[in-house]
């Protein structure tokens, strides 16, 4: 609401009091500015557009870390490589970057945060896991075999990019049917 909208809420008995309106106006103006600042922060932490430190804060809120415990190697694009690291599958390597990934780039970290959010809200059923996998990876078909002993087998139909495959096989996407 604007300052004027708040001041229009003053009852008729006090509208004619200039000192009261002036005093109230000062306090209302401060509150309106605070609301504007808070409203401006919402887009900064939208998962779809957040980058860098904003993603790190979102990840901390949901329990997903950008740092990888075991370095992931073999995910960067190469010209003369297998199809798994060619066009549309390999991650572009920044200049002077090491050959292994220990800190996820923003796009992969965003997917990991989405997966963690889904896992936090998940009911633990196989059907729920299918819905989450389909939402996270619409280009892949995931097959889940619940072994009924707290383990499961996961089959992937399609070809994920090499970093996504490394995150799935490394256990960073924590969707395990119970």
N, C-alpha and C. Protein backbone atom coordinates (compact mmCIF):
# COMPACT_ATOMS: atom_id res chain seq x y z
N UNK A 1 0.83 -1.18 0.00
CA UNK A 1 0.00 0.00 0.00
C UNK A 1 0.88 1.25 0.00
N UNK A 2 0.35 2.31 -0.52
CA UNK A 2 1.08 3.58 -0.53
C UNK A 2 0.78 4.35 0.76
N UNK A 3 1.55 5.41 0.96
CA UNK A 3 1.35 6.25 2.14
C UNK A 3 -0.05 6.85 2.13
N UNK A 4 -0.49 7.27 0.98
CA UNK A 4 -1.82 7.89 0.87
C UNK A 4 -2.92 6.89 1.19
N UNK A 5 -2.75 5.65 0.76
CA UNK A 5 -3.76 4.63 1.06
C UNK A 5 -3.85 4.38 2.57
N UNK A 6 -2.70 4.37 3.24
CA UNK A 6 -2.73 4.22 4.69
C UNK A 6 -3.38 5.42 5.37
N UNK A 7 -3.05 6.63 4.91
CA UNK A 7 -3.62 7.83 5.53
C UNK A 7 -5.12 7.94 5.27
N UNK A 8 -5.59 7.35 4.18
CA UNK A 8 -7.04 7.35 3.92
C UNK A 8 -7.80 6.46 4.89
N UNK A 9 -7.09 5.63 5.65
CA UNK A 9 -7.73 4.77 6.63
C UNK A 9 -7.99 5.47 7.97
N UNK A 10 -7.46 6.69 8.11
CA UNK A 10 -7.66 7.45 9.34
C UNK A 10 -9.15 7.79 9.45
N UNK A 11 -9.71 7.61 10.63
CA UNK A 11 -11.13 7.88 10.84
C UNK A 11 -11.43 9.38 10.73
N UNK A 12 -12.69 9.67 10.47
CA UNK A 12 -13.11 11.06 10.22
C UNK A 12 -12.80 11.98 11.40
N UNK A 13 -12.81 11.48 12.61
CA UNK A 13 -12.55 12.31 13.77
C UNK A 13 -11.13 12.85 13.83
N UNK A 14 -10.18 12.22 13.13
CA UNK A 14 -8.78 12.65 13.19
C UNK A 14 -8.27 13.22 11.87
N UNK A 15 -9.05 13.16 10.80
CA UNK A 15 -8.58 13.66 9.51
C UNK A 15 -8.35 15.16 9.52
N UNK A 16 -9.04 15.87 10.36
CA UNK A 16 -8.92 17.33 10.40
C UNK A 16 -7.78 17.79 11.30
N UNK A 17 -7.02 16.90 11.89
CA UNK A 17 -5.95 17.24 12.82
C UNK A 17 -4.61 17.23 12.07
N UNK A 18 -4.10 18.37 11.66
CA UNK A 18 -2.87 18.41 10.85
C UNK A 18 -1.64 17.86 11.59
N UNK A 19 -1.52 18.10 12.87
CA UNK A 19 -0.37 17.58 13.61
C UNK A 19 -0.42 16.05 13.68
N UNK A 20 -1.60 15.50 13.91
CA UNK A 20 -1.76 14.05 13.97
C UNK A 20 -1.42 13.44 12.62
N UNK A 21 -1.93 14.01 11.53
CA UNK A 21 -1.67 13.48 10.18
C UNK A 21 -0.19 13.59 9.84
N UNK A 22 0.46 14.69 10.24
CA UNK A 22 1.90 14.86 9.97
C UNK A 22 2.72 13.83 10.72
N UNK A 23 2.38 13.59 11.99
CA UNK A 23 3.10 12.60 12.79
C UNK A 23 2.88 11.20 12.24
N UNK A 24 1.64 10.89 11.94
CA UNK A 24 1.32 9.57 11.38
C UNK A 24 1.98 9.37 10.03
N UNK A 25 2.06 10.42 9.24
CA UNK A 25 2.65 10.36 7.91
C UNK A 25 4.12 9.95 7.97
N UNK A 26 4.84 10.46 8.95
CA UNK A 26 6.26 10.11 9.10
C UNK A 26 6.42 8.61 9.37
N UNK A 27 5.64 8.10 10.32
CA UNK A 27 5.74 6.67 10.65
C UNK A 27 5.29 5.78 9.51
N UNK A 28 4.25 6.18 8.82
CA UNK A 28 3.73 5.37 7.71
C UNK A 28 4.73 5.35 6.56
N UNK A 29 5.37 6.49 6.30
CA UNK A 29 6.33 6.56 5.20
C UNK A 29 7.50 5.59 5.42
N UNK A 30 7.96 5.49 6.65
CA UNK A 30 9.04 4.55 6.97
C UNK A 30 8.58 3.11 6.71
N UNK A 31 7.38 2.77 7.14
CA UNK A 31 6.86 1.42 6.96
C UNK A 31 6.67 1.09 5.48
N UNK A 32 6.22 2.06 4.69
CA UNK A 32 6.04 1.85 3.25
C UNK A 32 7.39 1.59 2.59
N UNK A 33 8.41 2.34 2.99
CA UNK A 33 9.76 2.11 2.43
C UNK A 33 10.28 0.73 2.79
N UNK A 34 10.05 0.29 4.01
CA UNK A 34 10.48 -1.06 4.43
C UNK A 34 9.78 -2.11 3.59
N UNK A 35 8.48 -1.93 3.35
CA UNK A 35 7.74 -2.89 2.52
C UNK A 35 8.29 -2.92 1.10
N UNK A 36 8.67 -1.75 0.56
CA UNK A 36 9.23 -1.70 -0.79
C UNK A 36 10.57 -2.44 -0.87
N UNK A 37 11.41 -2.25 0.15
CA UNK A 37 12.70 -2.95 0.18
C UNK A 37 12.49 -4.46 0.26
N UNK A 38 11.60 -4.89 1.14
CA UNK A 38 11.33 -6.32 1.27
C UNK A 38 10.76 -6.90 -0.03
N UNK A 39 9.87 -6.17 -0.68
CA UNK A 39 9.30 -6.63 -1.94
C UNK A 39 10.36 -6.71 -3.04
N UNK A 40 11.35 -5.82 -3.00
CA UNK A 40 12.40 -5.85 -4.01
C UNK A 40 13.34 -7.04 -3.83
N UNK A 41 13.35 -7.65 -2.65
CA UNK A 41 14.23 -8.79 -2.41
C UNK A 41 13.66 -10.10 -2.96
N UNK A 42 12.36 -10.17 -3.16
CA UNK A 42 11.75 -11.41 -3.62
C UNK A 42 12.33 -11.88 -4.95
N UNK A 43 12.43 -11.02 -5.98
CA UNK A 43 13.00 -11.52 -7.24
C UNK A 43 14.48 -11.90 -7.14
N UNK A 44 15.19 -11.34 -6.17
CA UNK A 44 16.60 -11.67 -6.03
C UNK A 44 16.80 -13.14 -5.65
N UNK A 45 15.80 -13.73 -5.00
CA UNK A 45 15.93 -15.09 -4.54
C UNK A 45 14.96 -16.03 -5.25
N UNK A 46 14.60 -15.68 -6.47
CA UNK A 46 13.80 -16.55 -7.32
C UNK A 46 14.76 -17.60 -7.88
N UNK A 47 14.47 -18.86 -7.66
CA UNK A 47 15.37 -19.94 -8.07
C UNK A 47 15.65 -19.92 -9.57
N UNK A 48 14.70 -19.48 -10.35
CA UNK A 48 14.87 -19.51 -11.81
C UNK A 48 15.87 -18.47 -12.31
N UNK A 49 16.06 -17.38 -11.57
CA UNK A 49 16.95 -16.31 -12.04
C UNK A 49 18.12 -16.03 -11.10
N UNK A 50 18.13 -16.63 -9.94
CA UNK A 50 19.20 -16.38 -8.97
C UNK A 50 20.53 -16.91 -9.50
N UNK A 51 21.61 -16.24 -9.13
CA UNK A 51 22.95 -16.66 -9.52
C UNK A 51 23.89 -16.47 -8.34
N UNK A 52 25.03 -17.14 -8.41
CA UNK A 52 26.11 -16.92 -7.44
C UNK A 52 25.71 -17.03 -5.99
N UNK A 53 25.96 -15.95 -5.25
CA UNK A 53 25.70 -15.94 -3.81
C UNK A 53 24.23 -16.16 -3.49
N UNK A 54 23.34 -15.66 -4.35
CA UNK A 54 21.91 -15.86 -4.12
C UNK A 54 21.58 -17.35 -4.16
N UNK A 55 22.15 -18.09 -5.12
CA UNK A 55 21.94 -19.54 -5.18
C UNK A 55 22.53 -20.22 -3.96
N UNK A 56 23.68 -19.75 -3.50
CA UNK A 56 24.29 -20.34 -2.30
C UNK A 56 23.39 -20.19 -1.10
N UNK A 57 22.74 -19.03 -0.97
CA UNK A 57 21.82 -18.80 0.15
C UNK A 57 20.61 -19.72 0.02
N UNK A 58 20.05 -19.82 -1.19
CA UNK A 58 18.91 -20.71 -1.40
C UNK A 58 19.28 -22.16 -1.09
N UNK A 59 20.48 -22.56 -1.52
CA UNK A 59 20.94 -23.92 -1.24
C UNK A 59 21.08 -24.18 0.25
N UNK A 60 21.60 -23.20 0.98
CA UNK A 60 21.73 -23.35 2.43
C UNK A 60 20.35 -23.47 3.08
N UNK A 61 19.37 -22.73 2.58
CA UNK A 61 18.02 -22.80 3.14
C UNK A 61 17.41 -24.18 2.99
N UNK A 62 17.68 -24.85 1.86
CA UNK A 62 17.04 -26.15 1.62
C UNK A 62 17.93 -27.33 1.96
N UNK A 63 19.22 -27.09 2.21
CA UNK A 63 20.12 -28.17 2.60
C UNK A 63 20.91 -28.77 1.46
N UNK A 64 21.21 -27.98 0.42
CA UNK A 64 22.00 -28.47 -0.71
C UNK A 64 23.26 -27.61 -0.81
N UNK A 65 24.40 -28.27 -0.90
CA UNK A 65 25.67 -27.56 -0.98
C UNK A 65 26.18 -27.54 -2.41
N UNK A 66 26.80 -26.44 -2.79
CA UNK A 66 27.41 -26.30 -4.11
C UNK A 66 28.72 -27.09 -4.18
N UNK A 67 29.35 -27.30 -3.04
CA UNK A 67 30.64 -27.99 -3.00
C UNK A 67 30.44 -29.50 -3.07
N UNK A 68 31.22 -30.14 -3.89
CA UNK A 68 31.15 -31.58 -4.10
C UNK A 68 32.23 -32.25 -3.25
N UNK A 69 31.83 -33.25 -2.48
CA UNK A 69 32.79 -33.92 -1.57
C UNK A 69 33.87 -34.66 -2.36
N UNK A 70 33.47 -35.39 -3.38
CA UNK A 70 34.42 -36.14 -4.21
C UNK A 70 34.45 -35.46 -5.57
N UNK A 71 35.62 -34.98 -6.02
CA UNK A 71 35.67 -34.27 -7.30
C UNK A 71 35.11 -35.12 -8.44
N UNK A 72 34.36 -34.47 -9.32
CA UNK A 72 33.77 -35.13 -10.48
C UNK A 72 34.66 -34.83 -11.67
N UNK A 73 35.14 -35.87 -12.32
CA UNK A 73 36.01 -35.66 -13.49
C UNK A 73 35.31 -36.19 -14.73
N UNK A 74 35.82 -35.78 -15.87
CA UNK A 74 35.31 -36.28 -17.15
C UNK A 74 33.96 -35.71 -17.55
N UNK A 75 33.65 -34.50 -17.12
CA UNK A 75 32.35 -33.92 -17.47
C UNK A 75 32.45 -32.79 -18.48
N UNK A 76 33.67 -32.33 -18.76
CA UNK A 76 33.82 -31.19 -19.65
C UNK A 76 33.76 -31.62 -21.11
N UNK A 77 33.27 -30.73 -21.94
CA UNK A 77 33.16 -30.96 -23.38
C UNK A 77 34.53 -31.17 -24.00
N UNK A 78 34.62 -32.13 -24.89
CA UNK A 78 35.84 -32.33 -25.68
C UNK A 78 35.45 -32.56 -27.12
N UNK A 79 36.33 -32.17 -28.05
CA UNK A 79 36.05 -32.33 -29.48
C UNK A 79 36.11 -33.78 -29.92
N UNK A 80 37.12 -34.47 -29.53
CA UNK A 80 37.30 -35.85 -29.99
C UNK A 80 37.07 -36.82 -28.84
N UNK A 81 35.82 -36.95 -28.48
CA UNK A 81 35.47 -37.76 -27.33
C UNK A 81 34.25 -38.60 -27.66
N UNK A 82 33.84 -39.37 -26.68
CA UNK A 82 32.62 -40.15 -26.84
C UNK A 82 31.43 -39.21 -26.91
N UNK A 83 30.29 -39.72 -27.30
CA UNK A 83 29.09 -38.91 -27.42
C UNK A 83 28.66 -38.33 -26.08
N UNK A 84 29.05 -38.97 -24.99
CA UNK A 84 28.65 -38.50 -23.66
C UNK A 84 29.30 -37.17 -23.29
N UNK A 85 30.35 -36.76 -23.99
CA UNK A 85 30.99 -35.49 -23.68
C UNK A 85 31.04 -34.57 -24.89
N UNK A 86 30.26 -34.87 -25.92
CA UNK A 86 30.22 -34.05 -27.13
C UNK A 86 29.16 -32.97 -27.04
N UNK A 87 28.67 -32.56 -28.20
CA UNK A 87 27.66 -31.50 -28.27
C UNK A 87 26.45 -31.84 -27.41
N UNK A 88 25.97 -30.86 -26.66
CA UNK A 88 24.79 -30.95 -25.80
C UNK A 88 24.95 -31.86 -24.58
N UNK A 89 26.09 -32.45 -24.38
CA UNK A 89 26.26 -33.35 -23.24
C UNK A 89 27.40 -32.94 -22.32
N UNK A 90 28.47 -32.42 -22.86
CA UNK A 90 29.58 -31.99 -22.03
C UNK A 90 29.36 -30.59 -21.50
N UNK A 91 29.91 -30.30 -20.33
CA UNK A 91 29.84 -28.98 -19.74
C UNK A 91 31.02 -28.17 -20.26
N UNK A 92 30.79 -26.92 -20.64
CA UNK A 92 31.88 -26.08 -21.12
C UNK A 92 32.82 -25.78 -19.97
N UNK A 93 34.10 -25.95 -20.23
CA UNK A 93 35.11 -25.74 -19.21
C UNK A 93 35.60 -24.30 -19.26
N UNK A 94 35.48 -23.57 -18.15
CA UNK A 94 36.00 -22.20 -18.13
C UNK A 94 37.52 -22.22 -18.29
N UNK A 95 38.07 -21.15 -18.87
CA UNK A 95 39.52 -21.11 -19.04
C UNK A 95 40.20 -21.15 -17.67
N UNK A 96 41.30 -21.81 -17.61
CA UNK A 96 42.11 -21.96 -16.41
C UNK A 96 41.41 -22.76 -15.30
N UNK A 97 40.33 -23.46 -15.62
CA UNK A 97 39.66 -24.26 -14.60
C UNK A 97 40.35 -25.61 -14.49
N UNK A 98 40.34 -26.23 -13.31
CA UNK A 98 40.93 -27.56 -13.18
C UNK A 98 40.10 -28.57 -13.97
N UNK A 99 40.66 -29.75 -14.17
CA UNK A 99 39.97 -30.76 -14.98
C UNK A 99 38.86 -31.47 -14.21
N UNK A 100 38.75 -31.22 -12.92
CA UNK A 100 37.71 -31.84 -12.10
C UNK A 100 36.81 -30.76 -11.50
N UNK A 101 35.56 -31.11 -11.30
CA UNK A 101 34.62 -30.17 -10.71
C UNK A 101 34.50 -30.46 -9.21
N UNK A 102 34.76 -29.44 -8.41
CA UNK A 102 34.56 -29.55 -6.96
C UNK A 102 33.50 -28.56 -6.49
N UNK A 103 33.21 -27.56 -7.32
CA UNK A 103 32.18 -26.56 -7.03
C UNK A 103 31.26 -26.52 -8.25
N UNK A 104 29.98 -26.77 -8.02
CA UNK A 104 29.03 -26.85 -9.13
C UNK A 104 28.80 -25.49 -9.78
N UNK A 105 28.70 -25.47 -11.11
CA UNK A 105 28.31 -24.23 -11.78
C UNK A 105 26.83 -23.94 -11.50
N UNK A 106 26.41 -22.71 -11.76
CA UNK A 106 25.06 -22.27 -11.39
C UNK A 106 23.95 -23.16 -11.95
N UNK A 107 24.02 -23.55 -13.22
CA UNK A 107 22.92 -24.33 -13.80
C UNK A 107 22.79 -25.71 -13.15
N UNK A 108 23.90 -26.38 -12.92
CA UNK A 108 23.85 -27.70 -12.26
C UNK A 108 23.43 -27.55 -10.80
N UNK A 109 23.90 -26.50 -10.14
CA UNK A 109 23.54 -26.28 -8.74
C UNK A 109 22.05 -25.95 -8.62
N UNK A 110 21.52 -25.21 -9.58
CA UNK A 110 20.09 -24.89 -9.59
C UNK A 110 19.27 -26.19 -9.67
N UNK A 111 19.69 -27.13 -10.52
CA UNK A 111 19.00 -28.42 -10.61
C UNK A 111 19.12 -29.21 -9.31
N UNK A 112 20.28 -29.15 -8.69
CA UNK A 112 20.47 -29.85 -7.42
C UNK A 112 19.57 -29.24 -6.33
N UNK A 113 19.43 -27.93 -6.33
CA UNK A 113 18.54 -27.27 -5.36
C UNK A 113 17.10 -27.70 -5.62
N UNK A 114 16.69 -27.73 -6.90
CA UNK A 114 15.34 -28.20 -7.22
C UNK A 114 15.12 -29.62 -6.70
N UNK A 115 16.12 -30.47 -6.90
CA UNK A 115 16.01 -31.86 -6.43
C UNK A 115 15.90 -31.92 -4.91
N UNK A 116 16.68 -31.09 -4.22
CA UNK A 116 16.63 -31.08 -2.75
C UNK A 116 15.29 -30.57 -2.24
N UNK A 117 14.75 -29.55 -2.89
CA UNK A 117 13.42 -29.04 -2.52
C UNK A 117 12.39 -30.14 -2.70
N UNK A 118 12.46 -30.85 -3.83
CA UNK A 118 11.52 -31.93 -4.09
C UNK A 118 11.68 -33.05 -3.06
N UNK A 119 12.92 -33.38 -2.73
CA UNK A 119 13.17 -34.44 -1.74
C UNK A 119 12.65 -34.03 -0.36
N UNK A 120 12.77 -32.75 -0.02
CA UNK A 120 12.28 -32.27 1.27
C UNK A 120 10.77 -32.37 1.37
N UNK A 121 10.07 -32.28 0.25
CA UNK A 121 8.61 -32.32 0.25
C UNK A 121 8.05 -33.69 -0.12
N UNK A 122 8.88 -34.62 -0.43
CA UNK A 122 8.50 -35.92 -0.98
C UNK A 122 7.90 -36.82 0.09
N UNK A 123 6.92 -37.63 -0.29
CA UNK A 123 6.24 -38.52 0.67
C UNK A 123 6.93 -39.89 0.80
N UNK A 124 7.98 -40.16 0.05
CA UNK A 124 8.73 -41.40 0.18
C UNK A 124 8.22 -42.55 -0.67
N UNK A 125 7.18 -42.32 -1.46
CA UNK A 125 6.63 -43.40 -2.29
C UNK A 125 7.34 -43.44 -3.64
N UNK A 126 7.26 -44.61 -4.26
CA UNK A 126 7.84 -44.76 -5.60
C UNK A 126 7.10 -43.90 -6.60
N UNK A 127 5.77 -43.82 -6.49
CA UNK A 127 5.01 -42.96 -7.40
C UNK A 127 5.42 -41.50 -7.25
N UNK A 128 5.64 -41.08 -6.02
CA UNK A 128 6.10 -39.71 -5.79
C UNK A 128 7.48 -39.48 -6.39
N UNK A 129 8.34 -40.49 -6.31
CA UNK A 129 9.69 -40.38 -6.89
C UNK A 129 9.60 -40.24 -8.41
N UNK A 130 8.72 -41.01 -9.03
CA UNK A 130 8.53 -40.88 -10.48
C UNK A 130 8.11 -39.46 -10.86
N UNK A 131 7.18 -38.90 -10.11
CA UNK A 131 6.71 -37.54 -10.40
C UNK A 131 7.84 -36.53 -10.28
N UNK A 132 8.69 -36.70 -9.27
CA UNK A 132 9.80 -35.77 -9.07
C UNK A 132 10.84 -35.93 -10.18
N UNK A 133 11.22 -37.16 -10.50
CA UNK A 133 12.19 -37.39 -11.56
C UNK A 133 11.69 -36.83 -12.88
N UNK A 134 10.39 -37.02 -13.16
CA UNK A 134 9.82 -36.50 -14.41
C UNK A 134 9.86 -34.97 -14.44
N UNK A 135 9.62 -34.34 -13.31
CA UNK A 135 9.67 -32.88 -13.25
C UNK A 135 11.10 -32.35 -13.36
N UNK A 136 12.05 -33.04 -12.74
CA UNK A 136 13.44 -32.59 -12.77
C UNK A 136 14.11 -32.83 -14.11
N UNK A 137 13.81 -33.97 -14.72
CA UNK A 137 14.46 -34.36 -15.96
C UNK A 137 13.41 -34.78 -17.00
N UNK A 138 12.71 -33.82 -17.60
CA UNK A 138 11.64 -34.17 -18.53
C UNK A 138 12.12 -34.88 -19.79
N UNK A 139 13.40 -34.73 -20.14
CA UNK A 139 13.92 -35.37 -21.35
C UNK A 139 14.35 -36.81 -21.12
N UNK A 140 14.33 -37.27 -19.88
CA UNK A 140 14.77 -38.62 -19.55
C UNK A 140 13.59 -39.44 -19.05
N UNK A 141 13.68 -40.73 -19.25
CA UNK A 141 12.73 -41.64 -18.64
C UNK A 141 13.47 -42.39 -17.55
N UNK A 142 12.94 -42.33 -16.36
CA UNK A 142 13.57 -42.97 -15.20
C UNK A 142 12.76 -44.20 -14.83
N UNK A 143 13.43 -45.30 -14.62
CA UNK A 143 12.80 -46.54 -14.18
C UNK A 143 13.33 -46.87 -12.79
N UNK A 144 12.42 -47.09 -11.85
CA UNK A 144 12.81 -47.35 -10.46
C UNK A 144 12.36 -48.76 -10.07
N UNK A 145 13.29 -49.52 -9.55
CA UNK A 145 12.97 -50.84 -9.02
C UNK A 145 13.24 -50.79 -7.52
N UNK A 146 12.17 -50.82 -6.72
CA UNK A 146 12.31 -50.83 -5.27
C UNK A 146 12.56 -52.28 -4.85
N UNK A 147 13.70 -52.54 -4.27
CA UNK A 147 14.09 -53.90 -3.91
C UNK A 147 13.51 -54.35 -2.57
N UNK A 148 12.72 -53.50 -1.92
CA UNK A 148 12.03 -53.81 -0.67
C UNK A 148 12.99 -54.12 0.49
N UNK A 149 14.25 -53.69 0.36
CA UNK A 149 15.21 -53.88 1.44
C UNK A 149 16.02 -52.60 1.69
N UNK A 150 15.34 -51.45 1.50
CA UNK A 150 15.94 -50.12 1.64
C UNK A 150 16.95 -49.81 0.55
N UNK A 151 16.94 -50.57 -0.53
CA UNK A 151 17.76 -50.27 -1.69
C UNK A 151 16.85 -50.17 -2.91
N UNK A 152 17.37 -49.60 -3.96
CA UNK A 152 16.62 -49.50 -5.19
C UNK A 152 17.59 -49.50 -6.36
N UNK A 153 17.06 -49.86 -7.51
CA UNK A 153 17.82 -49.79 -8.74
C UNK A 153 17.18 -48.71 -9.61
N UNK A 154 18.02 -47.95 -10.27
CA UNK A 154 17.55 -46.85 -11.08
C UNK A 154 18.03 -47.06 -12.50
N UNK A 155 17.12 -47.02 -13.45
CA UNK A 155 17.46 -47.12 -14.86
C UNK A 155 17.13 -45.81 -15.54
N UNK A 156 18.01 -45.37 -16.43
CA UNK A 156 17.81 -44.11 -17.14
C UNK A 156 17.70 -44.41 -18.62
N UNK A 157 16.60 -44.01 -19.22
CA UNK A 157 16.41 -44.14 -20.66
C UNK A 157 16.57 -42.75 -21.24
N UNK A 158 17.55 -42.58 -22.10
CA UNK A 158 17.90 -41.27 -22.64
C UNK A 158 19.34 -40.98 -22.27
N UNK A 159 19.83 -39.85 -22.71
CA UNK A 159 21.22 -39.50 -22.44
C UNK A 159 21.29 -38.17 -21.71
N UNK A 160 21.51 -38.20 -20.40
CA UNK A 160 21.69 -36.93 -19.67
C UNK A 160 23.07 -36.35 -19.97
N UNK A 161 23.23 -35.05 -19.72
CA UNK A 161 24.56 -34.49 -19.87
C UNK A 161 25.47 -35.11 -18.82
N UNK A 162 26.77 -35.02 -19.06
CA UNK A 162 27.72 -35.75 -18.22
C UNK A 162 27.71 -35.30 -16.76
N UNK A 163 27.48 -34.03 -16.49
CA UNK A 163 27.46 -33.56 -15.11
C UNK A 163 26.21 -34.04 -14.39
N UNK A 164 25.06 -34.01 -15.06
CA UNK A 164 23.83 -34.53 -14.46
C UNK A 164 23.97 -36.01 -14.15
N UNK A 165 24.54 -36.76 -15.07
CA UNK A 165 24.76 -38.19 -14.85
C UNK A 165 25.68 -38.41 -13.65
N UNK A 166 26.72 -37.59 -13.53
CA UNK A 166 27.64 -37.72 -12.39
C UNK A 166 26.93 -37.39 -11.07
N UNK A 167 26.03 -36.41 -11.07
CA UNK A 167 25.29 -36.08 -9.85
C UNK A 167 24.33 -37.20 -9.47
N UNK A 168 23.70 -37.82 -10.48
CA UNK A 168 22.77 -38.92 -10.20
C UNK A 168 23.52 -40.13 -9.67
N UNK A 169 24.57 -40.53 -10.36
CA UNK A 169 25.30 -41.73 -9.95
C UNK A 169 26.11 -41.51 -8.68
N UNK A 170 26.47 -40.26 -8.39
CA UNK A 170 27.21 -39.97 -7.17
C UNK A 170 26.33 -39.86 -5.93
N UNK A 171 25.03 -39.96 -6.10
CA UNK A 171 24.13 -39.91 -4.97
C UNK A 171 23.82 -38.52 -4.45
N UNK A 172 24.08 -37.49 -5.25
CA UNK A 172 23.81 -36.13 -4.80
C UNK A 172 22.33 -35.77 -4.90
N UNK A 173 21.60 -36.47 -5.77
CA UNK A 173 20.16 -36.29 -5.86
C UNK A 173 19.55 -37.36 -4.99
N UNK A 174 19.03 -36.96 -3.85
CA UNK A 174 18.67 -37.90 -2.78
C UNK A 174 17.19 -38.26 -2.83
N UNK A 175 16.82 -39.06 -3.80
CA UNK A 175 15.45 -39.57 -3.89
C UNK A 175 15.51 -41.09 -3.82
N UNK A 176 15.30 -41.59 -2.64
CA UNK A 176 15.39 -43.02 -2.43
C UNK A 176 14.05 -43.52 -1.89
N UNK A 177 13.31 -44.32 -2.66
CA UNK A 177 12.03 -44.82 -2.15
C UNK A 177 12.23 -45.63 -0.88
N UNK A 178 11.35 -45.44 0.06
CA UNK A 178 11.45 -46.14 1.36
C UNK A 178 10.48 -47.29 1.39
